[in-house]
Amino acid sequence: MNFKVGILMSAFLIFCSCDQKKQKVEVEEVKDVTEVRMDQSQEISAKHILVDTEKEAQDLYEKITKGEMSFEDAAQQHSKCPSGSNGGSLGSFGKGVMVKEFEDAAFALKVGEISKPVRTEFGWHLIKVEENQ
């Protein structure tokens, strides 16, 4: 799902779940958040590998950085995220879309760089930035 569609869907769901008295305030809050997020022009295109343990992530990191396996092959073979079947591709996203730990790590990387293991509420990630836009 692209970023703008996600924001619009979130706004729609909040709008639909509001009662009449709170509707105006909540719609204005969503509008403010939507404008801030859509004003952020920096986006990246990234891939990731999601595994359950730090050890799994560290082992994959070492194999990838030593050239024993490509990032994409590791994602297809080991990632528990559905994106693994597509080499880990998450497409493009801006700030405010991913969980904080993931976002902070992803936006700190240079194009082509692979992160060391990053922990989020979903598990352990390796992240590779494909492009800055």
N, C-alpha and C. Protein backbone atom coordinates (compact mmCIF):
# COMPACT_ATOMS: atom_id res chain seq x y z
N MET A 1 0.85 -1.16 0.00
CA MET A 1 0.00 0.00 0.00
C MET A 1 0.90 1.22 0.00
N ASN A 2 0.56 2.19 -0.83
CA ASN A 2 1.40 3.36 -0.85
C ASN A 2 1.06 4.28 0.32
N PHE A 3 1.98 5.15 0.67
CA PHE A 3 1.90 5.99 1.85
C PHE A 3 0.64 6.85 1.87
N LYS A 4 0.34 7.53 0.77
CA LYS A 4 -0.82 8.42 0.73
C LYS A 4 -2.12 7.65 0.89
N VAL A 5 -2.22 6.49 0.28
CA VAL A 5 -3.42 5.66 0.43
C VAL A 5 -3.57 5.23 1.88
N GLY A 6 -2.46 4.85 2.53
CA GLY A 6 -2.50 4.45 3.93
C GLY A 6 -2.99 5.56 4.83
N ILE A 7 -2.52 6.77 4.61
CA ILE A 7 -2.96 7.92 5.41
C ILE A 7 -4.45 8.17 5.20
N LEU A 8 -4.89 8.13 3.95
CA LEU A 8 -6.31 8.36 3.67
C LEU A 8 -7.18 7.27 4.28
N MET A 9 -6.72 6.02 4.23
CA MET A 9 -7.48 4.93 4.83
C MET A 9 -7.56 5.10 6.35
N SER A 10 -6.47 5.51 6.98
CA SER A 10 -6.48 5.74 8.42
C SER A 10 -7.45 6.85 8.78
N ALA A 11 -7.42 7.92 8.02
CA ALA A 11 -8.33 9.03 8.26
C ALA A 11 -9.78 8.58 8.11
N PHE A 12 -10.07 7.79 7.10
CA PHE A 12 -11.43 7.29 6.87
C PHE A 12 -11.89 6.43 8.02
N LEU A 13 -11.02 5.51 8.50
CA LEU A 13 -11.40 4.63 9.60
C LEU A 13 -11.65 5.42 10.88
N ILE A 14 -10.84 6.40 11.16
CA ILE A 14 -11.06 7.23 12.35
C ILE A 14 -12.36 8.00 12.20
N PHE A 15 -12.60 8.55 11.03
CA PHE A 15 -13.82 9.31 10.77
C PHE A 15 -15.05 8.43 10.98
N CYS A 16 -15.02 7.21 10.50
CA CYS A 16 -16.16 6.29 10.61
C CYS A 16 -16.40 5.83 12.04
N SER A 17 -15.35 5.78 12.85
CA SER A 17 -15.50 5.27 14.20
C SER A 17 -15.84 6.35 15.22
N CYS A 18 -15.90 7.61 14.80
CA CYS A 18 -16.17 8.71 15.72
C CYS A 18 -17.66 8.81 16.02
N ASP A 19 -17.99 9.26 17.25
CA ASP A 19 -19.39 9.59 17.48
C ASP A 19 -19.60 11.04 17.05
N GLN A 20 -20.84 11.46 16.98
CA GLN A 20 -21.19 12.78 16.45
C GLN A 20 -20.49 13.91 17.21
N LYS A 21 -20.39 13.84 18.54
CA LYS A 21 -19.84 14.93 19.34
C LYS A 21 -18.33 15.09 19.15
N LYS A 22 -17.63 13.97 18.98
CA LYS A 22 -16.18 14.02 18.86
C LYS A 22 -15.71 14.13 17.41
N GLN A 23 -16.61 13.94 16.49
CA GLN A 23 -16.24 13.83 15.08
C GLN A 23 -15.45 15.03 14.58
N LYS A 24 -15.89 16.23 14.86
CA LYS A 24 -15.23 17.42 14.34
C LYS A 24 -13.80 17.53 14.86
N VAL A 25 -13.59 17.32 16.16
CA VAL A 25 -12.26 17.41 16.75
C VAL A 25 -11.34 16.34 16.16
N GLU A 26 -11.81 15.10 16.11
CA GLU A 26 -10.96 14.02 15.63
C GLU A 26 -10.63 14.18 14.16
N VAL A 27 -11.57 14.63 13.35
CA VAL A 27 -11.29 14.85 11.93
C VAL A 27 -10.25 15.94 11.78
N GLU A 28 -10.32 17.00 12.58
CA GLU A 28 -9.32 18.06 12.51
C GLU A 28 -7.95 17.54 12.94
N GLU A 29 -7.89 16.67 13.97
CA GLU A 29 -6.62 16.09 14.39
C GLU A 29 -6.02 15.23 13.29
N VAL A 30 -6.84 14.43 12.64
CA VAL A 30 -6.37 13.58 11.54
C VAL A 30 -5.87 14.45 10.40
N LYS A 31 -6.58 15.53 10.11
CA LYS A 31 -6.16 16.44 9.04
C LYS A 31 -4.78 17.02 9.35
N ASP A 32 -4.58 17.45 10.62
CA ASP A 32 -3.28 18.00 11.01
C ASP A 32 -2.17 16.98 10.85
N VAL A 33 -2.36 15.76 11.34
CA VAL A 33 -1.35 14.70 11.23
C VAL A 33 -1.10 14.36 9.77
N THR A 34 -2.16 14.25 8.99
CA THR A 34 -2.03 13.92 7.57
C THR A 34 -1.21 14.97 6.84
N GLU A 35 -1.47 16.23 7.11
CA GLU A 35 -0.72 17.30 6.44
C GLU A 35 0.75 17.26 6.81
N VAL A 36 1.05 17.03 8.09
CA VAL A 36 2.45 16.96 8.53
C VAL A 36 3.15 15.80 7.84
N ARG A 37 2.53 14.63 7.84
CA ARG A 37 3.17 13.46 7.25
C ARG A 37 3.31 13.60 5.75
N MET A 38 2.33 14.17 5.08
CA MET A 38 2.41 14.29 3.63
C MET A 38 3.38 15.38 3.21
N ASP A 39 3.67 16.33 4.13
CA ASP A 39 4.64 17.37 3.84
C ASP A 39 6.06 16.83 3.85
N GLN A 40 6.29 15.71 4.51
CA GLN A 40 7.62 15.15 4.58
C GLN A 40 7.96 14.51 3.25
N SER A 41 8.86 15.13 2.55
CA SER A 41 9.15 14.68 1.19
C SER A 41 10.18 13.55 1.13
N GLN A 42 10.92 13.33 2.19
CA GLN A 42 11.95 12.28 2.14
C GLN A 42 11.32 10.91 2.25
N GLU A 43 11.59 10.09 1.26
CA GLU A 43 11.16 8.71 1.27
C GLU A 43 12.36 7.84 0.94
N ILE A 44 12.29 6.59 1.39
CA ILE A 44 13.30 5.62 1.02
C ILE A 44 12.61 4.38 0.49
N SER A 45 13.35 3.61 -0.26
CA SER A 45 12.90 2.30 -0.71
C SER A 45 13.80 1.30 0.00
N ALA A 46 13.19 0.33 0.68
CA ALA A 46 14.00 -0.58 1.49
C ALA A 46 13.48 -2.01 1.41
N LYS A 47 14.36 -2.91 1.83
CA LYS A 47 14.04 -4.33 1.98
C LYS A 47 14.35 -4.70 3.42
N HIS A 48 13.73 -5.78 3.89
CA HIS A 48 14.07 -6.24 5.23
C HIS A 48 13.91 -7.75 5.33
N ILE A 49 14.54 -8.27 6.36
CA ILE A 49 14.43 -9.68 6.73
C ILE A 49 13.95 -9.67 8.18
N LEU A 50 12.91 -10.42 8.47
CA LEU A 50 12.36 -10.49 9.82
C LEU A 50 12.49 -11.91 10.35
N VAL A 51 13.16 -12.03 11.50
CA VAL A 51 13.33 -13.33 12.15
C VAL A 51 12.98 -13.20 13.64
N ASP A 52 12.92 -14.32 14.31
CA ASP A 52 12.48 -14.33 15.71
C ASP A 52 13.55 -13.97 16.72
N THR A 53 14.81 -14.29 16.45
CA THR A 53 15.84 -14.09 17.47
C THR A 53 16.99 -13.23 16.97
N GLU A 54 17.68 -12.63 17.92
CA GLU A 54 18.85 -11.82 17.60
C GLU A 54 19.94 -12.69 16.98
N LYS A 55 20.08 -13.92 17.49
CA LYS A 55 21.10 -14.83 16.95
C LYS A 55 20.85 -15.13 15.48
N GLU A 56 19.59 -15.41 15.12
CA GLU A 56 19.27 -15.66 13.70
C GLU A 56 19.64 -14.44 12.85
N ALA A 57 19.27 -13.26 13.34
CA ALA A 57 19.55 -12.04 12.60
C ALA A 57 21.05 -11.81 12.46
N GLN A 58 21.79 -12.03 13.55
CA GLN A 58 23.24 -11.84 13.52
C GLN A 58 23.91 -12.83 12.57
N ASP A 59 23.47 -14.08 12.60
CA ASP A 59 24.03 -15.11 11.70
C ASP A 59 23.78 -14.73 10.24
N LEU A 60 22.58 -14.28 9.94
CA LEU A 60 22.27 -13.87 8.56
C LEU A 60 23.08 -12.63 8.17
N TYR A 61 23.21 -11.68 9.08
CA TYR A 61 24.00 -10.49 8.82
C TYR A 61 25.43 -10.86 8.43
N GLU A 62 26.02 -11.77 9.17
CA GLU A 62 27.39 -12.19 8.90
C GLU A 62 27.50 -12.90 7.55
N LYS A 63 26.56 -13.78 7.24
CA LYS A 63 26.58 -14.48 5.95
C LYS A 63 26.43 -13.50 4.78
N ILE A 64 25.54 -12.54 4.94
CA ILE A 64 25.31 -11.56 3.86
C ILE A 64 26.53 -10.66 3.69
N THR A 65 27.06 -10.13 4.78
CA THR A 65 28.18 -9.19 4.67
C THR A 65 29.48 -9.89 4.24
N LYS A 66 29.58 -11.21 4.45
CA LYS A 66 30.74 -11.96 3.98
C LYS A 66 30.57 -12.43 2.54
N GLY A 67 29.39 -12.18 1.96
CA GLY A 67 29.15 -12.59 0.58
C GLY A 67 28.75 -14.04 0.41
N GLU A 68 28.43 -14.72 1.50
CA GLU A 68 28.04 -16.12 1.43
C GLU A 68 26.61 -16.29 0.90
N MET A 69 25.83 -15.23 0.99
CA MET A 69 24.44 -15.28 0.53
C MET A 69 23.98 -13.85 0.28
N SER A 70 23.10 -13.69 -0.71
CA SER A 70 22.59 -12.34 -1.00
C SER A 70 21.49 -11.99 -0.01
N PHE A 71 21.25 -10.71 0.15
CA PHE A 71 20.19 -10.24 1.03
C PHE A 71 18.85 -10.81 0.58
N GLU A 72 18.62 -10.78 -0.72
CA GLU A 72 17.36 -11.23 -1.29
C GLU A 72 17.14 -12.74 -1.06
N ASP A 73 18.18 -13.53 -1.26
CA ASP A 73 18.07 -14.98 -1.00
C ASP A 73 17.81 -15.25 0.48
N ALA A 74 18.49 -14.50 1.34
CA ALA A 74 18.28 -14.67 2.78
C ALA A 74 16.84 -14.32 3.15
N ALA A 75 16.30 -13.28 2.56
CA ALA A 75 14.91 -12.89 2.83
C ALA A 75 13.95 -13.99 2.37
N GLN A 76 14.17 -14.51 1.18
CA GLN A 76 13.29 -15.56 0.66
C GLN A 76 13.35 -16.82 1.50
N GLN A 77 14.52 -17.16 1.99
CA GLN A 77 14.70 -18.41 2.73
C GLN A 77 14.38 -18.31 4.22
N HIS A 78 14.55 -17.13 4.81
CA HIS A 78 14.48 -17.04 6.27
C HIS A 78 13.47 -16.06 6.85
N SER A 79 13.03 -15.08 6.08
CA SER A 79 12.15 -14.06 6.65
C SER A 79 10.77 -14.61 6.94
N LYS A 80 10.23 -14.23 8.10
CA LYS A 80 8.87 -14.65 8.44
C LYS A 80 7.84 -13.61 7.98
N CYS A 81 8.29 -12.56 7.32
CA CYS A 81 7.40 -11.55 6.76
C CYS A 81 7.00 -11.96 5.35
N PRO A 82 5.77 -11.73 4.94
CA PRO A 82 5.35 -12.06 3.58
C PRO A 82 6.21 -11.38 2.50
N SER A 83 6.85 -10.27 2.84
CA SER A 83 7.72 -9.59 1.87
C SER A 83 8.94 -10.43 1.50
N GLY A 84 9.24 -11.44 2.31
CA GLY A 84 10.38 -12.31 2.04
C GLY A 84 10.31 -12.97 0.69
N SER A 85 9.10 -13.32 0.25
CA SER A 85 8.94 -13.97 -1.06
C SER A 85 9.32 -13.05 -2.20
N ASN A 86 9.39 -11.76 -1.91
CA ASN A 86 9.78 -10.76 -2.92
C ASN A 86 11.15 -10.18 -2.57
N GLY A 87 12.01 -11.00 -2.00
CA GLY A 87 13.35 -10.54 -1.65
C GLY A 87 13.38 -9.57 -0.49
N GLY A 88 12.27 -9.47 0.26
CA GLY A 88 12.21 -8.56 1.40
C GLY A 88 11.74 -7.16 1.08
N SER A 89 11.36 -6.91 -0.17
CA SER A 89 11.01 -5.56 -0.60
C SER A 89 9.79 -5.01 0.13
N LEU A 90 9.95 -3.82 0.69
CA LEU A 90 8.86 -3.10 1.33
C LEU A 90 8.37 -1.95 0.47
N GLY A 91 9.04 -1.71 -0.65
CA GLY A 91 8.68 -0.57 -1.49
C GLY A 91 9.16 0.72 -0.85
N SER A 92 8.54 1.83 -1.22
CA SER A 92 8.92 3.14 -0.71
C SER A 92 8.02 3.54 0.45
N PHE A 93 8.60 4.24 1.41
CA PHE A 93 7.82 4.76 2.52
C PHE A 93 8.51 5.99 3.09
N GLY A 94 7.73 6.84 3.70
CA GLY A 94 8.25 8.05 4.33
C GLY A 94 8.30 7.88 5.83
N LYS A 95 8.74 8.94 6.49
CA LYS A 95 8.80 8.91 7.95
C LYS A 95 7.38 8.91 8.52
N GLY A 96 7.23 8.26 9.66
CA GLY A 96 5.94 8.20 10.32
C GLY A 96 5.10 7.01 9.93
N VAL A 97 5.65 6.13 9.09
CA VAL A 97 4.89 4.97 8.61
C VAL A 97 5.27 3.71 9.37
N MET A 98 6.53 3.49 9.58
CA MET A 98 7.02 2.28 10.24
C MET A 98 7.19 2.52 11.74
N VAL A 99 7.32 1.44 12.51
CA VAL A 99 7.57 1.59 13.93
C VAL A 99 8.89 2.32 14.13
N LYS A 100 8.99 3.05 15.24
CA LYS A 100 10.11 3.97 15.46
C LYS A 100 11.48 3.32 15.32
N GLU A 101 11.70 2.18 15.95
CA GLU A 101 13.02 1.54 15.91
C GLU A 101 13.41 1.20 14.47
N PHE A 102 12.45 0.69 13.71
CA PHE A 102 12.70 0.34 12.32
C PHE A 102 12.98 1.60 11.51
N GLU A 103 12.14 2.61 11.66
CA GLU A 103 12.30 3.86 10.92
C GLU A 103 13.64 4.52 11.22
N ASP A 104 13.99 4.62 12.49
CA ASP A 104 15.26 5.25 12.86
C ASP A 104 16.44 4.55 12.19
N ALA A 105 16.43 3.22 12.22
CA ALA A 105 17.53 2.45 11.61
C ALA A 105 17.53 2.62 10.10
N ALA A 106 16.37 2.52 9.48
CA ALA A 106 16.28 2.60 8.01
C ALA A 106 16.74 3.96 7.49
N PHE A 107 16.28 5.03 8.11
CA PHE A 107 16.63 6.37 7.62
C PHE A 107 18.07 6.76 7.95
N ALA A 108 18.73 6.01 8.82
CA ALA A 108 20.14 6.27 9.14
C ALA A 108 21.09 5.58 8.15
N LEU A 109 20.57 4.65 7.35
CA LEU A 109 21.42 3.90 6.42
C LEU A 109 21.66 4.66 5.13
N LYS A 110 22.80 4.38 4.52
CA LYS A 110 23.09 4.87 3.18
C LYS A 110 22.56 3.86 2.18
N VAL A 111 22.37 4.28 0.95
CA VAL A 111 21.90 3.37 -0.11
C VAL A 111 22.87 2.20 -0.23
N GLY A 112 22.31 0.99 -0.23
CA GLY A 112 23.12 -0.23 -0.35
C GLY A 112 23.61 -0.77 0.97
N GLU A 113 23.53 0.00 2.02
CA GLU A 113 24.02 -0.42 3.32
C GLU A 113 23.00 -1.34 4.01
N ILE A 114 23.51 -2.27 4.80
CA ILE A 114 22.67 -3.22 5.53
C ILE A 114 22.84 -2.95 7.02
N SER A 115 21.72 -2.87 7.72
CA SER A 115 21.77 -2.62 9.16
C SER A 115 22.23 -3.85 9.91
N LYS A 116 22.78 -3.62 11.07
CA LYS A 116 22.96 -4.70 12.03
C LYS A 116 21.57 -5.03 12.55
N PRO A 117 21.38 -6.12 13.28
CA PRO A 117 20.04 -6.48 13.75
C PRO A 117 19.35 -5.36 14.53
N VAL A 118 18.08 -5.15 14.20
CA VAL A 118 17.25 -4.12 14.82
C VAL A 118 16.04 -4.82 15.44
N ARG A 119 15.80 -4.54 16.71
CA ARG A 119 14.67 -5.17 17.39
C ARG A 119 13.45 -4.25 17.38
N THR A 120 12.30 -4.84 17.04
CA THR A 120 11.02 -4.15 17.15
C THR A 120 10.04 -5.10 17.84
N GLU A 121 8.84 -4.65 18.02
CA GLU A 121 7.81 -5.50 18.63
C GLU A 121 7.49 -6.73 17.78
N PHE A 122 7.90 -6.72 16.51
CA PHE A 122 7.61 -7.82 15.59
C PHE A 122 8.69 -8.88 15.55
N GLY A 123 9.88 -8.56 16.03
CA GLY A 123 11.00 -9.47 16.00
C GLY A 123 12.29 -8.72 15.68
N TRP A 124 13.22 -9.43 15.06
CA TRP A 124 14.53 -8.87 14.70
C TRP A 124 14.61 -8.68 13.20
N HIS A 125 15.07 -7.51 12.79
CA HIS A 125 15.14 -7.14 11.37
C HIS A 125 16.57 -6.89 10.92
N LEU A 126 16.82 -7.20 9.67
CA LEU A 126 17.96 -6.66 8.94
C LEU A 126 17.32 -5.79 7.88
N ILE A 127 17.87 -4.59 7.67
CA ILE A 127 17.28 -3.65 6.74
C ILE A 127 18.32 -3.26 5.70
N LYS A 128 17.88 -3.17 4.46
CA LYS A 128 18.77 -2.73 3.38
C LYS A 128 18.04 -1.63 2.61
N VAL A 129 18.68 -0.48 2.52
CA VAL A 129 18.08 0.64 1.79
C VAL A 129 18.49 0.53 0.32
N GLU A 130 17.49 0.60 -0.52
CA GLU A 130 17.69 0.50 -1.96
C GLU A 130 17.82 1.85 -2.64
N GLU A 131 17.09 2.84 -2.10
CA GLU A 131 17.05 4.14 -2.78
C GLU A 131 16.53 5.20 -1.83
N ASN A 132 17.10 6.41 -1.91
CA ASN A 132 16.57 7.59 -1.24
C ASN A 132 15.89 8.43 -2.28
N GLN A 133 14.71 8.94 -1.96
CA GLN A 133 13.97 9.73 -2.96
C GLN A 133 13.78 11.14 -2.48
